[in-house]
Amino acid sequence: MFDTQPNLVCASDDAERAYQKILRMASVREISTFKAREKLLRAGFSEHAIEEAISKAQGYRYIDDERYCDALIRSRIAAGKGLSPVLKEIESLGIDPYQLESYIDYLEDDAVNDLERAMALLNRRPPTSKNKRDGAFRKLMQAGYSTSVASQAARTWATGLD
């Protein structure tokens, strides 16, 4: 008869190694459940070990998707960039941005400042294209600003150059 006990020990070791990898990742920066799972899969861990490790990390709050999203939003705003790509990532994690404190704060306070941040970005790093307005619009869209903010800021910025 075969002894199945060694397999349990190996599975437990695998889950512990996966958990230790999560701790290393989380010690560098916030990480989402999705990204942790993706990195562990690429590292060759079994599905069972990954789920066990993620569950343990969530229990100790080393992984917290809402905290990850809050940090993502705040860092984008601090960098003077728009939130369009961030909102797509948040939604892909299955999180409603309207449930996040940082997004509510942004809507209440910072949405008005989007135009100011966009203008500051253009003044700091002006586009080098021949058509200044189109170049400014492209730069702002690439930085994640909404179409309306990018259009308004590009028009205002280009008009100020004349």
N, C-alpha and C. Protein backbone atom coordinates (compact mmCIF):
# COMPACT_ATOMS: atom_id res chain seq x y z
N MET A 1 0.83 -1.18 0.00
CA MET A 1 0.00 0.00 0.00
C MET A 1 0.88 1.25 0.00
N PHE A 2 0.46 2.28 -0.75
CA PHE A 2 1.24 3.50 -0.86
C PHE A 2 0.89 4.47 0.25
N ASP A 3 1.89 5.21 0.67
CA ASP A 3 1.69 6.21 1.72
C ASP A 3 1.40 7.55 1.04
N THR A 4 0.23 8.13 1.30
CA THR A 4 -0.14 9.41 0.68
C THR A 4 0.31 10.60 1.50
N GLN A 5 0.84 10.37 2.66
CA GLN A 5 1.29 11.44 3.54
C GLN A 5 2.37 12.32 2.89
N PRO A 6 3.38 11.77 2.19
CA PRO A 6 4.39 12.64 1.57
C PRO A 6 3.79 13.64 0.58
N ASN A 7 2.72 13.26 -0.13
CA ASN A 7 2.09 14.19 -1.06
C ASN A 7 1.47 15.36 -0.33
N LEU A 8 0.90 15.11 0.83
CA LEU A 8 0.33 16.21 1.62
C LEU A 8 1.42 17.15 2.10
N VAL A 9 2.54 16.62 2.49
CA VAL A 9 3.65 17.44 2.94
C VAL A 9 4.16 18.28 1.77
N CYS A 10 4.28 17.69 0.60
CA CYS A 10 4.76 18.42 -0.58
C CYS A 10 3.78 19.53 -0.97
N ALA A 11 2.49 19.22 -0.93
CA ALA A 11 1.48 20.22 -1.26
C ALA A 11 1.52 21.37 -0.26
N SER A 12 1.71 21.03 1.00
CA SER A 12 1.80 22.06 2.04
C SER A 12 3.04 22.92 1.84
N ASP A 13 4.16 22.28 1.50
CA ASP A 13 5.41 23.01 1.24
C ASP A 13 5.24 23.94 0.04
N ASP A 14 4.57 23.45 -1.00
CA ASP A 14 4.33 24.24 -2.20
C ASP A 14 3.50 25.48 -1.86
N ALA A 15 2.46 25.31 -1.07
CA ALA A 15 1.61 26.43 -0.66
C ALA A 15 2.40 27.42 0.19
N GLU A 16 3.26 26.91 1.05
CA GLU A 16 4.08 27.79 1.90
C GLU A 16 5.08 28.57 1.04
N ARG A 17 5.67 27.93 0.04
CA ARG A 17 6.59 28.64 -0.85
C ARG A 17 5.86 29.72 -1.65
N ALA A 18 4.65 29.40 -2.07
CA ALA A 18 3.83 30.37 -2.80
C ALA A 18 3.48 31.55 -1.89
N TYR A 19 3.15 31.26 -0.64
CA TYR A 19 2.84 32.31 0.34
C TYR A 19 4.07 33.19 0.57
N GLN A 20 5.24 32.60 0.70
CA GLN A 20 6.46 33.37 0.90
C GLN A 20 6.74 34.27 -0.31
N LYS A 21 6.44 33.79 -1.50
CA LYS A 21 6.61 34.60 -2.71
C LYS A 21 5.65 35.79 -2.67
N ILE A 22 4.43 35.56 -2.23
CA ILE A 22 3.47 36.66 -2.09
C ILE A 22 3.99 37.70 -1.11
N LEU A 23 4.53 37.24 0.00
CA LEU A 23 5.07 38.18 1.00
C LEU A 23 6.19 39.03 0.40
N ARG A 24 7.04 38.40 -0.40
CA ARG A 24 8.12 39.17 -1.03
C ARG A 24 7.56 40.20 -2.01
N MET A 25 6.56 39.80 -2.79
CA MET A 25 5.95 40.73 -3.74
C MET A 25 5.27 41.89 -3.00
N ALA A 26 4.53 41.55 -1.94
CA ALA A 26 3.79 42.57 -1.19
C ALA A 26 4.71 43.50 -0.41
N SER A 27 5.92 43.05 -0.10
CA SER A 27 6.83 43.91 0.64
C SER A 27 7.41 45.01 -0.25
N VAL A 28 7.34 44.82 -1.56
CA VAL A 28 7.86 45.81 -2.50
C VAL A 28 6.80 46.84 -2.85
N ARG A 29 5.57 46.38 -3.12
CA ARG A 29 4.46 47.28 -3.47
C ARG A 29 3.14 46.54 -3.29
N GLU A 30 2.07 47.31 -3.30
CA GLU A 30 0.74 46.71 -3.23
C GLU A 30 0.57 45.78 -4.42
N ILE A 31 -0.14 44.70 -4.20
CA ILE A 31 -0.38 43.75 -5.29
C ILE A 31 -1.83 43.27 -5.22
N SER A 32 -2.43 43.10 -6.37
CA SER A 32 -3.81 42.63 -6.42
C SER A 32 -3.83 41.10 -6.41
N THR A 33 -4.98 40.56 -6.07
CA THR A 33 -5.16 39.11 -6.09
C THR A 33 -4.89 38.58 -7.49
N PHE A 34 -5.40 39.28 -8.48
CA PHE A 34 -5.24 38.85 -9.87
C PHE A 34 -3.76 38.77 -10.25
N LYS A 35 -3.00 39.83 -9.93
CA LYS A 35 -1.58 39.85 -10.29
C LYS A 35 -0.78 38.82 -9.50
N ALA A 36 -1.14 38.62 -8.24
CA ALA A 36 -0.44 37.61 -7.44
C ALA A 36 -0.68 36.23 -8.05
N ARG A 37 -1.93 35.94 -8.39
CA ARG A 37 -2.27 34.64 -8.99
C ARG A 37 -1.52 34.45 -10.30
N GLU A 38 -1.49 35.50 -11.11
CA GLU A 38 -0.82 35.44 -12.41
C GLU A 38 0.68 35.15 -12.24
N LYS A 39 1.33 35.83 -11.31
CA LYS A 39 2.77 35.64 -11.08
C LYS A 39 3.06 34.25 -10.51
N LEU A 40 2.20 33.77 -9.64
CA LEU A 40 2.41 32.44 -9.06
C LEU A 40 2.21 31.35 -10.11
N LEU A 41 1.25 31.54 -10.99
CA LEU A 41 1.04 30.58 -12.08
C LEU A 41 2.27 30.53 -12.98
N ARG A 42 2.80 31.71 -13.32
CA ARG A 42 4.00 31.77 -14.16
C ARG A 42 5.20 31.14 -13.47
N ALA A 43 5.21 31.19 -12.13
CA ALA A 43 6.32 30.61 -11.37
C ALA A 43 6.18 29.09 -11.25
N GLY A 44 5.05 28.55 -11.72
CA GLY A 44 4.88 27.11 -11.76
C GLY A 44 4.20 26.48 -10.55
N PHE A 45 3.55 27.27 -9.72
CA PHE A 45 2.86 26.72 -8.56
C PHE A 45 1.54 26.09 -8.99
N SER A 46 1.10 25.09 -8.24
CA SER A 46 -0.16 24.42 -8.54
C SER A 46 -1.33 25.33 -8.16
N GLU A 47 -2.46 25.09 -8.79
CA GLU A 47 -3.67 25.86 -8.52
C GLU A 47 -4.04 25.79 -7.03
N HIS A 48 -3.93 24.60 -6.47
CA HIS A 48 -4.26 24.40 -5.05
C HIS A 48 -3.33 25.23 -4.16
N ALA A 49 -2.04 25.19 -4.43
CA ALA A 49 -1.06 25.94 -3.63
C ALA A 49 -1.30 27.44 -3.76
N ILE A 50 -1.64 27.89 -4.96
CA ILE A 50 -1.90 29.31 -5.19
C ILE A 50 -3.11 29.77 -4.38
N GLU A 51 -4.19 29.01 -4.47
CA GLU A 51 -5.41 29.39 -3.74
C GLU A 51 -5.18 29.41 -2.24
N GLU A 52 -4.45 28.43 -1.74
CA GLU A 52 -4.16 28.36 -0.32
C GLU A 52 -3.30 29.56 0.11
N ALA A 53 -2.29 29.86 -0.67
CA ALA A 53 -1.39 30.97 -0.35
C ALA A 53 -2.11 32.31 -0.42
N ILE A 54 -2.93 32.51 -1.43
CA ILE A 54 -3.67 33.76 -1.58
C ILE A 54 -4.67 33.92 -0.44
N SER A 55 -5.35 32.85 -0.10
CA SER A 55 -6.30 32.89 1.00
C SER A 55 -5.61 33.30 2.31
N LYS A 56 -4.46 32.71 2.56
CA LYS A 56 -3.70 33.03 3.77
C LYS A 56 -3.24 34.50 3.74
N ALA A 57 -2.74 34.95 2.60
CA ALA A 57 -2.26 36.33 2.47
C ALA A 57 -3.41 37.33 2.63
N GLN A 58 -4.58 36.99 2.12
CA GLN A 58 -5.75 37.86 2.29
C GLN A 58 -6.19 37.88 3.75
N GLY A 59 -6.10 36.74 4.41
CA GLY A 59 -6.46 36.66 5.82
C GLY A 59 -5.61 37.57 6.69
N TYR A 60 -4.33 37.69 6.35
CA TYR A 60 -3.43 38.58 7.09
C TYR A 60 -3.36 39.97 6.47
N ARG A 61 -4.16 40.19 5.42
CA ARG A 61 -4.26 41.48 4.72
C ARG A 61 -2.97 41.90 4.02
N TYR A 62 -2.16 40.92 3.62
CA TYR A 62 -1.00 41.24 2.79
C TYR A 62 -1.48 41.54 1.37
N ILE A 63 -2.58 40.92 1.00
CA ILE A 63 -3.24 41.21 -0.27
C ILE A 63 -4.62 41.76 0.06
N ASP A 64 -4.90 42.95 -0.45
CA ASP A 64 -6.19 43.58 -0.24
C ASP A 64 -6.50 44.36 -1.51
N ASP A 65 -7.43 43.87 -2.31
CA ASP A 65 -7.71 44.47 -3.61
C ASP A 65 -8.21 45.91 -3.49
N GLU A 66 -9.01 46.20 -2.49
CA GLU A 66 -9.49 47.58 -2.32
C GLU A 66 -8.34 48.52 -1.98
N ARG A 67 -7.45 48.09 -1.10
CA ARG A 67 -6.28 48.91 -0.75
C ARG A 67 -5.39 49.10 -1.97
N TYR A 68 -5.23 48.04 -2.76
CA TYR A 68 -4.45 48.11 -4.00
C TYR A 68 -5.04 49.17 -4.93
N CYS A 69 -6.35 49.14 -5.11
CA CYS A 69 -7.01 50.09 -6.01
C CYS A 69 -6.90 51.52 -5.49
N ASP A 70 -7.06 51.70 -4.19
CA ASP A 70 -6.90 53.03 -3.60
C ASP A 70 -5.50 53.56 -3.86
N ALA A 71 -4.49 52.73 -3.66
CA ALA A 71 -3.11 53.15 -3.89
C ALA A 71 -2.89 53.49 -5.37
N LEU A 72 -3.49 52.70 -6.25
CA LEU A 72 -3.36 52.93 -7.68
C LEU A 72 -3.96 54.29 -8.07
N ILE A 73 -5.15 54.58 -7.58
CA ILE A 73 -5.82 55.85 -7.88
C ILE A 73 -5.01 57.02 -7.34
N ARG A 74 -4.61 56.93 -6.08
CA ARG A 74 -3.87 58.04 -5.46
C ARG A 74 -2.53 58.28 -6.16
N SER A 75 -1.86 57.22 -6.57
CA SER A 75 -0.56 57.42 -7.23
C SER A 75 -0.73 58.04 -8.62
N ARG A 76 -1.78 57.67 -9.34
CA ARG A 76 -2.04 58.26 -10.66
C ARG A 76 -2.34 59.75 -10.53
N ILE A 77 -3.16 60.08 -9.54
CA ILE A 77 -3.51 61.49 -9.33
C ILE A 77 -2.26 62.28 -8.93
N ALA A 78 -1.47 61.72 -8.02
CA ALA A 78 -0.24 62.39 -7.57
C ALA A 78 0.74 62.59 -8.72
N ALA A 79 0.73 61.69 -9.70
CA ALA A 79 1.62 61.80 -10.85
C ALA A 79 1.08 62.77 -11.89
N GLY A 80 -0.11 63.33 -11.63
CA GLY A 80 -0.69 64.30 -12.56
C GLY A 80 -1.29 63.66 -13.79
N LYS A 81 -1.70 62.41 -13.68
CA LYS A 81 -2.25 61.70 -14.83
C LYS A 81 -3.74 61.45 -14.64
N GLY A 82 -4.38 61.07 -15.73
CA GLY A 82 -5.80 60.76 -15.72
C GLY A 82 -6.06 59.35 -15.23
N LEU A 83 -7.35 59.05 -15.00
CA LEU A 83 -7.71 57.77 -14.39
C LEU A 83 -8.32 56.76 -15.34
N SER A 84 -8.48 57.09 -16.61
CA SER A 84 -9.15 56.15 -17.53
C SER A 84 -8.55 54.74 -17.51
N PRO A 85 -7.23 54.58 -17.69
CA PRO A 85 -6.68 53.21 -17.69
C PRO A 85 -6.81 52.53 -16.33
N VAL A 86 -6.72 53.31 -15.28
CA VAL A 86 -6.81 52.76 -13.92
C VAL A 86 -8.22 52.22 -13.67
N LEU A 87 -9.22 52.96 -14.11
CA LEU A 87 -10.60 52.51 -13.91
C LEU A 87 -10.86 51.20 -14.64
N LYS A 88 -10.28 51.03 -15.81
CA LYS A 88 -10.43 49.77 -16.55
C LYS A 88 -9.79 48.61 -15.78
N GLU A 89 -8.62 48.87 -15.21
CA GLU A 89 -7.94 47.83 -14.43
C GLU A 89 -8.75 47.46 -13.20
N ILE A 90 -9.28 48.47 -12.52
CA ILE A 90 -10.08 48.24 -11.31
C ILE A 90 -11.30 47.39 -11.65
N GLU A 91 -11.98 47.75 -12.73
CA GLU A 91 -13.16 46.99 -13.13
C GLU A 91 -12.79 45.57 -13.53
N SER A 92 -11.60 45.39 -14.13
CA SER A 92 -11.18 44.04 -14.51
C SER A 92 -10.92 43.17 -13.28
N LEU A 93 -10.67 43.79 -12.14
CA LEU A 93 -10.49 43.04 -10.89
C LEU A 93 -11.84 42.71 -10.24
N GLY A 94 -12.92 43.18 -10.86
CA GLY A 94 -14.25 42.91 -10.33
C GLY A 94 -14.63 43.85 -9.19
N ILE A 95 -14.00 45.02 -9.14
CA ILE A 95 -14.27 45.98 -8.08
C ILE A 95 -15.00 47.18 -8.67
N ASP A 96 -16.03 47.62 -8.01
CA ASP A 96 -16.77 48.80 -8.42
C ASP A 96 -16.03 50.03 -7.91
N PRO A 97 -15.52 50.89 -8.81
CA PRO A 97 -14.75 52.06 -8.35
C PRO A 97 -15.55 52.97 -7.43
N TYR A 98 -16.89 52.95 -7.57
CA TYR A 98 -17.73 53.81 -6.74
C TYR A 98 -17.79 53.32 -5.29
N GLN A 99 -17.20 52.17 -5.01
CA GLN A 99 -17.13 51.66 -3.64
C GLN A 99 -15.80 52.01 -2.98
N LEU A 100 -14.91 52.67 -3.73
CA LEU A 100 -13.58 52.99 -3.23
C LEU A 100 -13.54 54.42 -2.69
N GLU A 101 -13.01 54.57 -1.51
CA GLU A 101 -12.92 55.88 -0.87
C GLU A 101 -12.12 56.86 -1.73
N SER A 102 -11.00 56.41 -2.28
CA SER A 102 -10.15 57.30 -3.07
C SER A 102 -10.85 57.79 -4.33
N TYR A 103 -11.67 56.95 -4.94
CA TYR A 103 -12.38 57.36 -6.15
C TYR A 103 -13.49 58.34 -5.80
N ILE A 104 -14.18 58.11 -4.72
CA ILE A 104 -15.21 59.05 -4.26
C ILE A 104 -14.57 60.40 -3.96
N ASP A 105 -13.42 60.40 -3.27
CA ASP A 105 -12.69 61.65 -3.00
C ASP A 105 -12.32 62.35 -4.30
N TYR A 106 -11.86 61.56 -5.26
CA TYR A 106 -11.49 62.12 -6.57
C TYR A 106 -12.70 62.79 -7.22
N LEU A 107 -13.83 62.09 -7.21
CA LEU A 107 -15.03 62.65 -7.84
C LEU A 107 -15.49 63.93 -7.15
N GLU A 108 -15.39 63.96 -5.82
CA GLU A 108 -15.84 65.13 -5.07
C GLU A 108 -14.88 66.30 -5.18
N ASP A 109 -13.59 66.04 -5.10
CA ASP A 109 -12.61 67.12 -5.01
C ASP A 109 -11.77 67.29 -6.26
N ASP A 110 -11.26 66.22 -6.79
CA ASP A 110 -10.22 66.30 -7.80
C ASP A 110 -10.72 66.35 -9.24
N ALA A 111 -11.94 65.95 -9.50
CA ALA A 111 -12.42 65.96 -10.88
C ALA A 111 -12.35 67.36 -11.46
N VAL A 112 -12.59 68.36 -10.65
CA VAL A 112 -12.50 69.75 -11.10
C VAL A 112 -11.05 70.09 -11.43
N ASN A 113 -10.12 69.48 -10.73
CA ASN A 113 -8.70 69.77 -10.93
C ASN A 113 -8.09 69.00 -12.09
N ASP A 114 -8.84 68.13 -12.75
CA ASP A 114 -8.32 67.38 -13.90
C ASP A 114 -7.79 68.32 -14.97
N LEU A 115 -8.55 69.36 -15.25
CA LEU A 115 -8.13 70.32 -16.26
C LEU A 115 -6.84 71.01 -15.84
N GLU A 116 -6.74 71.37 -14.58
CA GLU A 116 -5.52 72.01 -14.08
C GLU A 116 -4.32 71.07 -14.17
N ARG A 117 -4.53 69.80 -13.81
CA ARG A 117 -3.44 68.82 -13.89
C ARG A 117 -3.01 68.58 -15.34
N ALA A 118 -4.00 68.56 -16.24
CA ALA A 118 -3.70 68.37 -17.66
C ALA A 118 -2.90 69.56 -18.19
N MET A 119 -3.29 70.76 -17.81
CA MET A 119 -2.57 71.95 -18.24
C MET A 119 -1.15 71.95 -17.69
N ALA A 120 -1.00 71.55 -16.43
CA ALA A 120 0.32 71.49 -15.81
C ALA A 120 1.22 70.49 -16.54
N LEU A 121 0.65 69.36 -16.94
CA LEU A 121 1.42 68.36 -17.69
C LEU A 121 1.89 68.94 -19.02
N LEU A 122 1.01 69.65 -19.72
CA LEU A 122 1.40 70.24 -21.01
C LEU A 122 2.45 71.33 -20.83
N ASN A 123 2.37 72.08 -19.75
CA ASN A 123 3.36 73.13 -19.50
C ASN A 123 4.70 72.54 -19.10
N ARG A 124 4.66 71.43 -18.34
CA ARG A 124 5.89 70.77 -17.91
C ARG A 124 6.59 70.07 -19.07
N ARG A 125 5.80 69.37 -19.87
CA ARG A 125 6.35 68.61 -21.00
C ARG A 125 5.52 68.89 -22.25
N PRO A 126 5.76 70.01 -22.89
CA PRO A 126 4.95 70.35 -24.07
C PRO A 126 5.20 69.37 -25.22
N PRO A 127 4.17 69.14 -26.02
CA PRO A 127 4.34 68.25 -27.18
C PRO A 127 5.26 68.91 -28.21
N THR A 128 5.92 68.09 -29.00
CA THR A 128 6.88 68.60 -29.98
C THR A 128 6.37 68.53 -31.42
N SER A 129 5.14 68.13 -31.60
CA SER A 129 4.60 68.00 -32.96
C SER A 129 4.35 69.38 -33.57
N LYS A 130 4.22 69.40 -34.89
CA LYS A 130 3.97 70.67 -35.60
C LYS A 130 2.61 71.24 -35.22
N ASN A 131 1.61 70.38 -35.17
CA ASN A 131 0.29 70.83 -34.78
C ASN A 131 0.20 70.71 -33.26
N LYS A 132 0.39 71.80 -32.58
CA LYS A 132 0.47 71.81 -31.11
C LYS A 132 -0.80 71.29 -30.45
N ARG A 133 -1.94 71.68 -30.98
CA ARG A 133 -3.21 71.26 -30.37
C ARG A 133 -3.40 69.75 -30.47
N ASP A 134 -3.17 69.19 -31.66
CA ASP A 134 -3.32 67.74 -31.84
C ASP A 134 -2.29 66.99 -31.00
N GLY A 135 -1.07 67.50 -30.95
CA GLY A 135 -0.03 66.88 -30.15
C GLY A 135 -0.37 66.89 -28.67
N ALA A 136 -0.92 68.03 -28.22
CA ALA A 136 -1.32 68.14 -26.80
C ALA A 136 -2.45 67.16 -26.49
N PHE A 137 -3.41 67.06 -27.41
CA PHE A 137 -4.53 66.14 -27.21
C PHE A 137 -4.03 64.69 -27.11
N ARG A 138 -3.14 64.30 -28.02
CA ARG A 138 -2.59 62.93 -27.99
C ARG A 138 -1.82 62.66 -26.70
N LYS A 139 -1.03 63.62 -26.28
CA LYS A 139 -0.24 63.46 -25.05
C LYS A 139 -1.16 63.24 -23.84
N LEU A 140 -2.22 64.01 -23.78
CA LEU A 140 -3.15 63.89 -22.65
C LEU A 140 -3.95 62.58 -22.70
N MET A 141 -4.31 62.15 -23.89
CA MET A 141 -5.02 60.88 -24.01
C MET A 141 -4.11 59.74 -23.58
N GLN A 142 -2.84 59.80 -23.96
CA GLN A 142 -1.88 58.76 -23.57
C GLN A 142 -1.64 58.77 -22.07
N ALA A 143 -1.79 59.94 -21.45
CA ALA A 143 -1.60 60.05 -20.00
C ALA A 143 -2.84 59.60 -19.23
N GLY A 144 -3.92 59.26 -19.95
CA GLY A 144 -5.09 58.69 -19.29
C GLY A 144 -6.20 59.68 -18.98
N TYR A 145 -6.16 60.86 -19.57
CA TYR A 145 -7.23 61.82 -19.34
C TYR A 145 -8.43 61.48 -20.22
N SER A 146 -9.60 61.90 -19.78
CA SER A 146 -10.81 61.66 -20.57
C SER A 146 -10.75 62.51 -21.83
N THR A 147 -11.55 62.14 -22.80
CA THR A 147 -11.58 62.87 -24.08
C THR A 147 -11.96 64.32 -23.86
N SER A 148 -12.95 64.56 -23.00
CA SER A 148 -13.41 65.94 -22.79
C SER A 148 -12.33 66.79 -22.14
N VAL A 149 -11.64 66.26 -21.13
CA VAL A 149 -10.58 67.02 -20.46
C VAL A 149 -9.42 67.24 -21.42
N ALA A 150 -9.03 66.20 -22.16
CA ALA A 150 -7.92 66.32 -23.10
C ALA A 150 -8.23 67.35 -24.18
N SER A 151 -9.44 67.34 -24.69
CA SER A 151 -9.84 68.28 -25.73
C SER A 151 -9.84 69.72 -25.21
N GLN A 152 -10.43 69.92 -24.06
CA GLN A 152 -10.51 71.26 -23.48
C GLN A 152 -9.12 71.79 -23.13
N ALA A 153 -8.29 70.97 -22.52
CA ALA A 153 -6.95 71.40 -22.13
C ALA A 153 -6.09 71.67 -23.36
N ALA A 154 -6.17 70.82 -24.37
CA ALA A 154 -5.38 71.01 -25.59
C ALA A 154 -5.78 72.31 -26.28
N ARG A 155 -7.08 72.56 -26.35
CA ARG A 155 -7.58 73.79 -26.99
C ARG A 155 -7.11 75.01 -26.21
N THR A 156 -7.25 74.97 -24.88
CA THR A 156 -6.84 76.11 -24.04
C THR A 156 -5.33 76.32 -24.13
N TRP A 157 -4.57 75.24 -24.06
CA TRP A 157 -3.11 75.33 -24.09
C TRP A 157 -2.63 75.88 -25.44
N ALA A 158 -3.17 75.35 -26.54
CA ALA A 158 -2.75 75.79 -27.88
C ALA A 158 -3.15 77.25 -28.13
N THR A 159 -4.29 77.64 -27.62
CA THR A 159 -4.74 79.02 -27.78
C THR A 159 -3.81 79.98 -27.03
N GLY A 160 -3.32 79.54 -25.88
CA GLY A 160 -2.40 80.36 -25.09
C GLY A 160 -1.05 80.54 -25.75
N LEU A 161 -0.71 79.69 -26.71
CA LEU A 161 0.57 79.80 -27.41
C LEU A 161 0.53 80.86 -28.51
N ASP A 162 -0.68 81.11 -29.00
CA ASP A 162 -0.82 82.08 -30.13
C ASP A 162 -0.58 83.50 -29.70
